[in-house]
Protein backbone atom coordinates (compact mmCIF):
# COMPACT_ATOMS: atom_id res chain seq x y z
CA UNK A 1 -76.64 -43.77 37.82
CA UNK A 2 -73.77 -43.84 35.34
CA UNK A 3 -70.60 -41.90 36.16
CA UNK A 4 -68.43 -42.55 33.10
CA UNK A 5 -67.66 -46.26 33.21
CA UNK A 6 -68.66 -46.39 36.86
CA UNK A 7 -72.18 -47.23 37.98
CA UNK A 8 -73.64 -46.95 41.47
CA UNK A 9 -76.57 -48.92 42.80
CA UNK A 10 -78.35 -48.09 46.07
CA UNK A 11 -80.70 -50.02 48.32
CA UNK A 12 -82.16 -49.53 51.77
CA UNK A 13 -82.21 -52.53 54.08
CA UNK A 14 -83.39 -53.08 57.62
CA UNK A 15 -80.59 -52.98 60.14
CA UNK A 16 -78.86 -51.37 63.04
CA UNK A 17 -75.75 -49.16 62.94
CA UNK A 18 -74.07 -51.54 65.38
CA UNK A 19 -74.33 -54.37 62.84
CA UNK A 20 -72.86 -53.02 59.62
CA UNK A 21 -70.56 -56.01 59.14
CA UNK A 22 -73.25 -58.67 58.62
CA UNK A 23 -74.78 -57.18 55.44
CA UNK A 24 -71.34 -56.13 54.15
CA UNK A 25 -70.01 -59.66 54.62
CA UNK A 26 -73.12 -61.24 53.07
CA UNK A 27 -72.74 -59.05 49.96
CA UNK A 28 -68.99 -59.75 49.73
CA UNK A 29 -69.54 -63.50 50.19
CA UNK A 30 -72.13 -63.53 47.39
CA UNK A 31 -69.69 -61.78 45.05
CA UNK A 32 -66.87 -64.18 45.99
CA UNK A 33 -69.22 -67.10 45.24
CA UNK A 34 -69.82 -65.49 41.81
CA UNK A 35 -66.08 -65.50 41.06
CA UNK A 36 -64.88 -62.18 42.47
CA UNK A 37 -61.69 -61.93 44.54
CA UNK A 38 -61.89 -60.13 47.89
CA UNK A 39 -59.26 -57.38 47.99
CA UNK A 40 -59.93 -55.60 51.29
CA UNK A 41 -62.48 -54.99 53.99
CA UNK A 42 -62.61 -52.07 56.39
CA UNK A 43 -65.06 -50.61 58.83
CA UNK A 44 -65.66 -47.56 60.97
CA UNK A 45 -68.70 -48.59 63.05
CA UNK A 46 -71.27 -47.21 63.60
CA UNK A 47 -70.75 -45.08 60.47
CA UNK A 48 -69.89 -47.48 57.63
CA UNK A 49 -68.32 -50.78 56.52
CA UNK A 50 -66.83 -51.51 53.09
CA UNK A 51 -65.54 -54.39 51.00
CA UNK A 52 -63.58 -54.10 47.75
CA UNK A 53 -63.51 -56.91 45.20
CA UNK A 54 -62.32 -57.56 41.67
CA UNK A 55 -62.78 -59.95 38.77
CA UNK A 56 -60.60 -59.27 35.78
CA UNK A 57 -60.75 -55.54 35.10
CA UNK A 58 -64.08 -55.19 36.95
CA UNK A 59 -63.92 -53.60 40.42
CA UNK A 60 -66.79 -53.62 42.89
CA UNK A 61 -67.03 -51.67 46.13
CA UNK A 62 -69.75 -52.54 48.64
CA UNK A 63 -70.53 -49.99 51.34
CA UNK A 64 -73.04 -50.34 54.16
CA UNK A 65 -73.78 -47.11 56.04
CA UNK A 66 -76.16 -45.91 58.72
CA UNK A 67 -79.16 -44.18 57.17
CA UNK A 68 -81.82 -43.64 59.84
CA UNK A 69 -83.33 -45.53 62.75
CA UNK A 70 -83.73 -49.19 61.75
CA UNK A 71 -82.39 -48.65 58.21
CA UNK A 72 -79.03 -49.04 56.51
CA UNK A 73 -77.98 -47.83 53.06
CA UNK A 74 -76.29 -50.40 50.83
CA UNK A 75 -74.25 -49.01 47.93
CA UNK A 76 -72.55 -51.00 45.18
CA UNK A 77 -70.03 -49.11 43.05
CA UNK A 78 -69.13 -51.03 39.89
CA UNK A 79 -66.31 -49.90 37.62
């Protein structure tokens, strides 16, 4: 939903808490291929993994987090 100029998008994907980096890296790689610049990556497995990217004034944060057995939550924050 909208939070001022910030929007958040959520998805649920199949995955294991021990493999948070693969979907995070796939999302970050897709954004880099679309012209975004990778700023940072960090992770605290098995809880979450994040990537932060920018293009011009646009900032995007990708977070992959454990949700439940066999499922991960993917969140994009765009501002």
